[in-house]
């Protein structure tokens, strides 16, 4: 990301995140009047904690950065939850107030919703959900998808693809979780493993120990990967080096034919394209050489469909949105990316699969948006004789 773009992003982030903290402060400070000053200064530190974390990483103070990340990002998840729940209560109170004014009625529920006890109840709910979300984020879920196609002849064995996406390896990544994930994927006996972007987060040069673990992944036809936006944020050269060290072949607006079975094609994320010195070829032009009667799998980080590409792929695998990661933010992602999670039909013979993602970004929390490793079995659409 260029300096001007980063400065703009930082200004918007701090404004929104700071505004959210002001709302939370107005809710919590009256509960402890004697500590209002301390709460205010603590909130200031928490608002700028993402900047502090990146500064500590730049200074190579990794242990301090990990502690700051654990505190700052866990708080971020809790703050998002408390803000959401409190906003729901205030919205209900506002609607009731407007209804009472319009109907010239008094309602006893209004003062109840404004009582400090309600704020304490919302606080307790946010803490409980936060604790559950930390537990949920550390679980490894496998989602099985069967993809029948007429391009596989009857009787041909299923071709198994395991999709990993949005793993977001960072300062808070658990080595034990990655080892468990690798072991479980290998037990699935995949034919092909794919990574559809955001394998790394923001510190690609401080997570090299995970590459040797991921290199233990085994698939008959290897591992293929494409870039996501966080590969650009982490530093594209470091991110690509890490991906290759992890044993994956990076597909950058190119593809491969896998024996006489299928084609695998990958395109770069727009954030990576923005860093390039020349414009990439149109996506449809990347796909056209693989219009050979075999199943074509398109790896693309963001779940955006290029209409010109629809005749040239059978299944697009994407991630990026995390299903919102923490409810109710999945509702916002649906406004931006107007596609459902999971499998959906996008053309006469073209399908899109959007994964919830295998890791977390920012808060190490998931709520009503479970992480997933996707297991896709490509089979013949016609039964064998």
Foldseek 3Di string as FASTA:
>chain_A
DDPVVVVVVLVVQLVVLVVLLVVVLVLPCVVPVVCSVVSVVVSVCLSCLVVVLVVCVVVVVLVVSLVSLQVNLLVVQLSVQLSVVLVVLVVVLVVVVVVCVVVVHDDPVNVVSVDSVVSVVSSVVSVVQSVVFLVLQLDEAEAEAEAADQLFPAPDFWAKEKEAEQAADDSNDDPVSLLVVQVVQVVVAHQEYEYQENNHAQALVPRLVSLVSLLSRDHNQWYEYEYELRCLNNPVVSSVVSCVSSGYHYADLAWDADPPAEIEHEHYYPNVQVVDPDHDPPSLVRQVVRQPSHAYEYRHADPDDDVSNQVRHQEYEYEPCLCCQEPPSVVVVCVVVVDDAAWDADDPRHIYHYASHAHDDRRRTGDPRGHYIYMYIYHHPDHDD
